[in-house]
Protein backbone atom coordinates (compact mmCIF):
# COMPACT_ATOMS: atom_id res chain seq x y z
CA MET A 1 0.00 0.00 0.00
CA LYS A 2 1.29 3.43 -0.87
CA SER A 3 2.37 5.47 2.14
CA ILE A 4 0.42 8.62 2.94
CA ASN A 5 2.64 11.39 4.21
CA ARG A 6 1.67 13.97 6.81
CA ARG A 7 1.20 16.71 4.24
CA THR A 8 -1.35 14.70 2.26
CA PHE A 9 -3.25 13.50 5.29
CA ILE A 10 -3.46 16.70 7.27
CA LYS A 11 -4.43 18.71 4.23
CA GLY A 12 -7.25 16.26 3.49
CA PHE A 13 -8.38 16.18 7.07
CA SER A 14 -8.48 19.97 7.27
CA ILE A 15 -10.67 20.10 4.19
CA ALA A 16 -12.97 17.59 5.86
CA GLY A 17 -13.52 20.15 8.59
CA MET A 18 -11.39 18.93 11.49
CA ALA A 19 -11.07 21.86 13.87
CA GLY A 20 -7.85 22.71 15.63
CA VAL A 21 -5.34 20.95 13.36
CA ILE A 22 -2.04 22.79 13.06
CA THR A 23 0.23 21.93 10.16
CA ALA A 24 3.98 22.29 10.44
CA SER A 25 6.43 22.60 7.62
CA GLY A 26 9.45 20.34 7.70
CA CYS A 27 9.57 16.56 7.54
CA GLY A 28 6.28 15.21 6.24
CA ASN A 29 4.55 18.45 7.22
CA ALA A 30 2.37 17.37 9.11
CA ILE A 31 3.32 4.25 43.79
CA GLN A 32 1.83 3.40 46.17
CA GLY A 33 -0.73 1.62 44.06
CA ASP A 34 -3.01 -1.32 44.64
CA SER A 35 -0.23 -3.69 43.57
CA PRO A 36 2.55 -4.38 46.11
CA SER A 37 5.14 -4.04 43.35
CA GLN A 38 4.49 -0.31 42.86
CA ASN A 39 4.85 2.73 45.07
CA GLU A 40 3.57 6.06 43.77
CA ASN A 41 4.92 8.10 46.68
CA SER A 42 7.78 10.50 46.08
CA GLY A 43 11.02 9.24 47.58
CA THR A 44 12.61 11.52 50.18
CA ASP A 45 16.09 10.61 48.91
CA TYR A 46 15.19 11.38 45.29
CA PRO A 47 13.34 14.70 45.03
CA ASN A 48 10.55 15.01 42.47
CA SER A 49 10.71 11.36 41.47
CA ARG A 50 8.27 8.47 41.79
CA LYS A 51 9.50 5.11 43.05
CA LEU A 52 8.66 1.79 41.40
CA PHE A 53 9.74 -1.72 42.34
CA TYR A 54 10.43 -5.00 40.56
CA ASN A 55 7.67 -7.55 40.94
CA GLU A 56 8.04 -10.72 42.99
CA ASP A 57 9.64 -12.50 40.03
CA GLY A 58 12.37 -9.86 39.76
CA LYS A 59 10.89 -8.52 36.53
CA PHE A 60 9.48 -5.16 35.53
CA LYS A 61 7.42 -4.79 32.36
CA ILE A 62 6.73 -1.45 30.69
CA LEU A 63 4.08 -1.13 27.99
CA GLN A 64 4.68 1.85 25.68
CA LEU A 65 1.62 3.28 23.97
CA THR A 66 2.10 6.02 21.42
CA ASP A 67 0.04 8.07 18.98
CA THR A 68 -3.39 6.79 19.93
CA HIS A 69 -4.84 9.98 18.37
CA TYR A 70 -8.13 9.23 20.07
CA VAL A 71 -11.27 11.29 19.40
CA SER A 72 -14.28 10.72 21.64
CA GLY A 73 -17.40 9.94 19.65
CA ASP A 74 -15.48 9.19 16.44
CA SER A 75 -16.15 5.59 15.38
CA ARG A 76 -12.69 5.38 13.84
CA SER A 77 -11.23 5.60 17.35
CA GLU A 78 -12.81 2.33 18.42
CA THR A 79 -9.86 0.43 16.97
CA ALA A 80 -7.45 2.37 19.18
CA LEU A 81 -9.51 1.69 22.30
CA LYS A 82 -9.78 -1.99 21.44
CA ASN A 83 -6.01 -2.15 20.92
CA VAL A 84 -5.32 -0.64 24.34
CA ASN A 85 -7.58 -3.19 26.02
CA VAL A 86 -6.09 -6.13 24.13
CA VAL A 87 -2.44 -5.29 24.80
CA LEU A 88 -3.11 -4.55 28.48
CA ASP A 89 -4.84 -7.90 28.97
CA SER A 90 -2.22 -9.78 26.96
CA GLU A 91 0.83 -8.30 28.67
CA ARG A 92 -0.36 -7.29 32.17
CA PRO A 93 2.39 -4.65 32.52
CA ASP A 94 3.76 -3.15 35.72
CA LEU A 95 3.79 0.33 34.16
CA VAL A 96 2.33 2.00 31.07
CA ILE A 97 4.09 4.96 29.45
CA HIS A 98 2.22 6.89 26.77
CA THR A 99 4.68 8.84 24.63
CA GLY A 100 2.29 11.42 23.28
CA ASP A 101 -0.39 12.37 20.79
CA THR A 102 -2.93 10.73 23.03
CA ILE A 103 -5.83 12.62 21.44
CA TYR A 104 -6.71 14.22 18.11
CA GLY A 105 -9.84 16.28 18.58
CA THR A 106 -12.53 17.71 20.82
CA PRO A 107 -13.72 17.38 23.47
CA ALA A 108 -10.15 17.03 24.71
CA GLU A 109 -10.97 16.17 28.32
CA THR A 110 -13.44 13.45 27.43
CA SER A 111 -11.07 12.05 24.80
CA ILE A 112 -8.04 11.82 27.07
CA ARG A 113 -10.04 10.35 29.93
CA GLU A 114 -11.55 7.68 27.67
CA ILE A 115 -8.25 6.53 26.16
CA LEU A 116 -6.52 6.34 29.56
CA GLU A 117 -9.48 4.80 31.40
CA PRO A 118 -8.62 1.17 30.46
CA ILE A 119 -5.25 1.56 32.20
CA SER A 120 -6.66 3.28 35.26
CA LYS A 121 -9.51 0.83 35.80
CA ARG A 122 -7.02 -2.06 35.87
CA GLY A 123 -5.08 -0.33 38.63
CA ILE A 124 -1.90 -0.06 36.56
CA PRO A 125 0.39 2.91 37.27
CA PHE A 126 0.82 5.00 34.14
CA ALA A 127 2.86 7.95 32.91
CA VAL A 128 2.18 10.34 30.04
CA THR A 129 4.38 12.75 28.16
CA PHE A 130 2.68 14.99 25.61
CA GLY A 131 3.15 15.07 21.83
CA ASN A 132 2.76 17.86 19.30
CA HIS A 133 -0.98 17.36 18.75
CA ASP A 134 -2.32 16.96 22.30
CA ASP A 135 -2.90 20.64 23.04
CA GLU A 136 -4.22 21.72 19.63
CA TYR A 137 -7.87 21.56 20.63
CA ASP A 138 -9.84 22.99 23.54
CA LYS A 139 -7.36 22.33 26.38
CA SER A 140 -3.85 23.66 26.95
CA ARG A 141 -0.93 21.45 27.95
CA GLU A 142 -1.28 22.71 31.50
CA GLU A 143 -5.00 21.91 31.57
CA LEU A 144 -4.42 18.45 30.13
CA PHE A 145 -1.74 17.86 32.76
CA GLU A 146 -4.22 18.56 35.56
CA ILE A 147 -6.79 16.26 33.95
CA VAL A 148 -4.32 13.37 33.63
CA LYS A 149 -3.06 14.02 37.16
CA SER A 150 -6.61 13.58 38.49
CA ILE A 151 -7.01 10.10 36.98
CA PRO A 152 -6.42 7.27 39.48
CA HIS A 153 -2.99 5.60 39.23
CA SER A 154 -1.52 8.45 37.19
CA LEU A 155 2.17 9.14 37.89
CA ILE A 156 2.33 12.27 35.75
CA ALA A 157 4.45 15.06 37.21
CA SER A 158 5.99 18.33 36.11
CA GLU A 159 9.31 20.00 36.83
CA LYS A 160 8.60 23.67 37.42
CA ASP A 161 10.33 26.59 35.69
CA ILE A 162 11.64 24.73 32.65
CA SER A 163 10.32 24.38 29.11
CA GLY A 164 7.46 22.00 28.52
CA VAL A 165 5.05 20.46 30.99
CA THR A 166 5.72 16.70 31.16
CA ASN A 167 9.33 16.54 32.38
CA TYR A 168 9.77 14.13 35.28
CA VAL A 169 11.61 11.10 36.65
CA LEU A 170 10.57 7.61 37.70
CA THR A 171 12.93 5.30 39.60
CA LEU A 172 12.97 1.51 39.71
CA GLY A 173 14.63 -0.68 42.28
CA SER A 174 14.35 -3.52 44.72
CA SER A 175 12.03 -3.16 47.68
CA SER A 176 14.96 -4.29 49.86
CA THR A 177 17.05 -1.19 49.18
CA GLU A 178 16.45 2.53 48.89
CA LYS A 179 18.80 2.92 45.92
CA PRO A 180 17.27 2.67 42.45
CA ASP A 181 19.07 0.61 39.85
CA ARG A 182 17.13 2.04 36.88
CA ILE A 183 16.00 5.57 36.10
CA PHE A 184 13.27 6.54 33.62
CA TYR A 185 13.47 10.10 32.29
CA LEU A 186 10.35 11.53 30.65
CA PHE A 187 10.80 14.65 28.52
CA ASP A 188 8.29 17.01 26.96
CA SER A 189 9.60 17.28 23.39
CA ASN A 190 7.29 20.28 22.86
CA ALA A 191 5.28 20.77 19.66
CA TYR A 192 6.58 23.05 16.89
CA SER A 193 9.64 25.19 16.45
CA SER A 194 9.69 28.31 18.59
CA ILE A 195 12.80 29.72 16.90
CA GLU A 196 12.22 32.57 14.46
CA GLY A 197 13.13 31.59 10.92
CA ILE A 198 13.24 27.84 11.65
CA LYS A 199 10.18 25.80 10.83
CA GLY A 200 9.30 22.23 11.73
CA TYR A 201 8.82 20.29 14.92
CA GLY A 202 9.72 21.26 18.46
CA HIS A 203 12.89 20.29 20.27
CA ILE A 204 13.95 19.56 23.83
CA HIS A 205 15.31 22.86 25.12
CA PHE A 206 18.57 23.70 26.89
CA ASP A 207 16.89 24.20 30.27
CA GLN A 208 15.37 20.71 30.02
CA ILE A 209 18.79 19.29 29.22
CA GLU A 210 20.28 21.14 32.18
CA TRP A 211 17.55 19.65 34.38
CA TYR A 212 18.38 16.17 33.08
CA ARG A 213 22.12 16.66 33.68
CA GLU A 214 21.52 17.83 37.25
CA ARG A 215 19.23 14.89 37.95
CA SER A 216 21.67 12.45 36.37
CA GLN A 217 24.55 13.79 38.45
CA PHE A 218 22.40 13.54 41.58
CA PHE A 219 21.67 9.86 40.99
CA THR A 220 25.30 9.16 40.07
CA SER A 221 26.54 10.78 43.27
CA LYS A 222 24.09 8.69 45.31
CA ASN A 223 25.38 5.59 43.54
CA ASN A 224 29.01 5.99 44.65
CA GLY A 225 29.96 7.81 41.47
CA SER A 226 28.60 5.19 39.04
CA PRO A 227 25.93 6.30 36.53
CA VAL A 228 22.59 4.54 37.07
CA PRO A 229 21.40 2.73 33.88
CA SER A 230 18.55 4.79 32.46
CA LEU A 231 15.91 4.89 29.74
CA ALA A 232 14.40 8.02 28.17
CA PHE A 233 10.86 8.48 26.83
CA PHE A 234 9.50 11.35 24.72
CA HIS A 235 7.46 11.96 21.59
CA ILE A 236 9.47 13.58 18.77
CA PRO A 237 12.64 11.70 17.71
CA LEU A 238 16.02 13.44 17.99
CA PRO A 239 17.96 14.30 14.81
CA GLU A 240 20.33 11.46 15.74
CA TYR A 241 17.60 9.00 14.80
CA LYS A 242 18.20 10.07 11.19
CA LEU A 243 21.95 9.67 11.49
CA ALA A 244 21.60 6.30 13.16
CA VAL A 245 19.24 4.74 10.63
CA ARG A 246 21.34 6.02 7.71
CA SER A 247 24.63 4.76 9.11
CA ASP A 248 26.44 1.99 7.26
CA HIS A 249 27.63 0.62 10.61
CA ALA A 250 24.27 0.27 12.34
CA ILE A 251 21.82 -2.62 12.28
CA VAL A 252 18.15 -1.75 11.96
CA LYS A 253 15.50 -4.18 13.15
CA GLY A 254 11.83 -3.48 12.52
CA GLU A 255 9.87 -1.40 10.05
CA LYS A 256 11.02 1.90 8.55
CA GLY A 257 8.02 3.10 6.59
CA GLU A 258 8.73 6.82 6.49
CA ASP A 259 11.47 9.37 7.02
CA VAL A 260 12.44 10.26 10.55
CA CYS A 261 10.51 13.44 11.34
CA SER A 262 12.83 15.13 13.81
CA PRO A 263 13.29 18.83 14.63
CA ASN A 264 15.33 20.96 12.25
CA VAL A 265 17.60 21.98 15.15
CA ASN A 266 19.76 19.92 17.46
CA SER A 267 19.92 21.12 21.06
CA GLY A 268 22.42 18.50 22.18
CA LEU A 269 20.45 16.06 24.32
CA PHE A 270 22.16 13.02 22.82
CA VAL A 271 25.61 14.47 23.54
CA SER A 272 24.60 15.17 27.14
CA MET A 273 23.34 11.61 27.53
CA LYS A 274 26.66 10.28 26.30
CA GLU A 275 28.56 12.59 28.62
CA MET A 276 26.47 11.56 31.63
CA LYS A 277 26.95 7.87 30.66
CA ASP A 278 23.60 6.71 31.98
CA VAL A 279 20.91 6.61 29.27
CA GLN A 280 21.13 3.38 27.32
CA ALA A 281 18.03 3.69 25.15
CA MET A 282 15.42 6.21 24.11
CA PHE A 283 11.83 5.45 23.11
CA VAL A 284 9.73 7.76 20.94
CA GLY A 285 6.63 7.80 18.73
CA HIS A 286 5.48 10.53 16.32
CA ASP A 287 6.26 8.68 13.06
CA HIS A 288 3.32 6.34 12.62
CA ASN A 289 4.96 4.12 9.99
CA ASN A 290 8.15 3.43 11.95
CA ASP A 291 8.61 0.84 14.69
CA PHE A 292 12.31 0.07 14.27
CA SER A 293 15.20 -0.18 16.69
CA VAL A 294 18.75 0.82 15.76
CA PHE A 295 22.00 0.62 17.75
CA TRP A 296 24.37 3.48 16.97
CA ASN A 297 27.25 4.95 18.98
CA ASN A 298 26.39 2.64 21.87
CA MET A 299 22.84 3.97 22.13
CA PHE A 300 19.55 2.35 21.22
CA PHE A 301 17.19 4.56 19.22
CA ILE A 302 13.79 2.86 19.42
CA TYR A 303 10.29 3.60 18.16
CA GLY A 304 7.10 2.41 19.78
CA ARG A 305 4.43 0.72 17.69
CA PHE A 306 1.63 2.93 16.41
CA SER A 307 -1.23 2.41 18.87
CA GLY A 308 -3.98 4.46 17.23
CA ALA A 309 -6.51 4.08 14.45
CA ASP A 310 -7.66 5.68 11.20
CA THR A 311 -8.14 9.16 12.64
CA VAL A 312 -4.60 9.66 11.25
CA TYR A 313 -2.39 8.14 8.56
CA ASN A 314 -0.97 4.70 9.38
CA ASP A 315 0.38 1.87 7.27
CA LEU A 316 1.61 -0.34 10.11
CA LYS A 317 -1.40 -2.57 10.59
CA PRO A 318 -2.56 -3.96 12.87
CA ASN A 319 -1.80 -1.45 15.59
CA GLY A 320 -0.17 -2.50 18.84
CA ALA A 321 2.30 -1.46 21.54
CA ARG A 322 5.96 -1.91 22.43
CA ILE A 323 6.94 -3.87 25.52
CA ILE A 324 10.17 -3.34 27.49
CA GLU A 325 11.05 -5.92 30.13
CA LEU A 326 13.78 -5.38 32.73
CA THR A 327 15.23 -8.08 34.98
CA GLU A 328 16.62 -7.30 38.41
CA GLY A 329 20.37 -7.79 38.56
CA GLU A 330 20.77 -8.16 34.79
CA ALA A 331 22.15 -5.60 32.36
CA GLY A 332 20.24 -4.68 29.23
CA PHE A 333 16.58 -5.43 28.58
CA SER A 334 14.31 -7.37 26.27
CA SER A 335 11.69 -5.79 24.05
CA TRP A 336 8.99 -6.89 21.67
CA ILE A 337 5.87 -5.60 19.97
CA ARG A 338 2.45 -6.94 20.89
CA LEU A 339 -0.05 -6.46 18.08
CA SER A 340 -3.76 -5.96 18.64
CA SER A 341 -4.24 -9.28 16.84
CA GLY A 342 -2.44 -10.93 19.75
CA GLU A 343 0.69 -11.73 17.75
CA ILE A 344 4.17 -10.94 19.09
CA ILE A 345 6.80 -9.61 16.66
CA GLN A 346 10.34 -8.28 16.92
CA LYS A 347 11.19 -10.11 20.14
CA LEU A 348 14.77 -9.02 20.78
CA GLN A 349 17.36 -8.92 23.53
CA TYR A 350 19.21 -5.63 23.93
CA PRO A 351 22.18 -5.47 23.36
CA ASP A 352 22.81 -9.15 22.54
CA ASP A 353 20.90 -9.17 19.24
CA PHE A 354 22.76 -6.05 18.07
CA LEU A 355 26.35 -6.86 19.03
CA GLU A 356 27.38 -7.40 15.41
CA ALA A 357 26.73 -3.67 14.93
CA VAL A 358 29.41 -2.67 17.44
């Protein structure tokens, strides 16, 4: 099937009368929970972070949803809602992270509550970081934040006085020790370029990077000077995704169905991650026809699986979600994609299945 780019889709959708759609030039144009394994309370040793724990089997499973583009009352959104229910029941995750573009129309509050309700009603802790479309309708980012915060089992948080709204930290460790052995950084990758004369998608700003570096140094200092292995989650891919997938020395596993739609500026987050020596992988969404993983410069650049429906363009069918499973005491992680059909694809061990790329 011929791919439909963002320009074609958004133009057509605007003609059809969809209110609130903003087009951007550039690429494509377009816990203390009910479960004993989670603790939603902020840790006194780790300011502004939420603490999570491995389950009794020494495992911790994250389900990444992305680009659900849900619209309440739109029959096309039923496929997205069905997908969320299927992957939750199939995988029974310890944590759900939604990496943005949760909704795609009005009413925004009803839409975001309906697409997150299947997670909340199962008592699963969940985190959200916003995409470029979430606040294009009748609620601002700040208003959406307060709505998500009010939903039971939400872990959403916000670091004050820096760019974006959904910048926060989750920590994972054993219930037998106060020290985390994994850190999850969530970044607000913003929406569209705010720099005069530069069009395209938004970027993660310098003050957000400074916040990350300070947090990273804090955790390193608490860990006797050793960086704590970390994962990063946000919506819009960094420019390095383009470099990685084009490299002759990188192995790509999964589907690359469209160009990487990154910002047209590079604010240096990848360099900071390499300097801090903690982040091992980053997980994004945004590009509906990509679900690949690539190992480049000792970093994993990974896409989630498109989780939405036909409210937006998508050629990766059926929809689904990415799973990330961590094991206590073991380096690396495993990851696979669970489709809404029930099938599992791309089951890989990181880094073992990519070592030939080193």
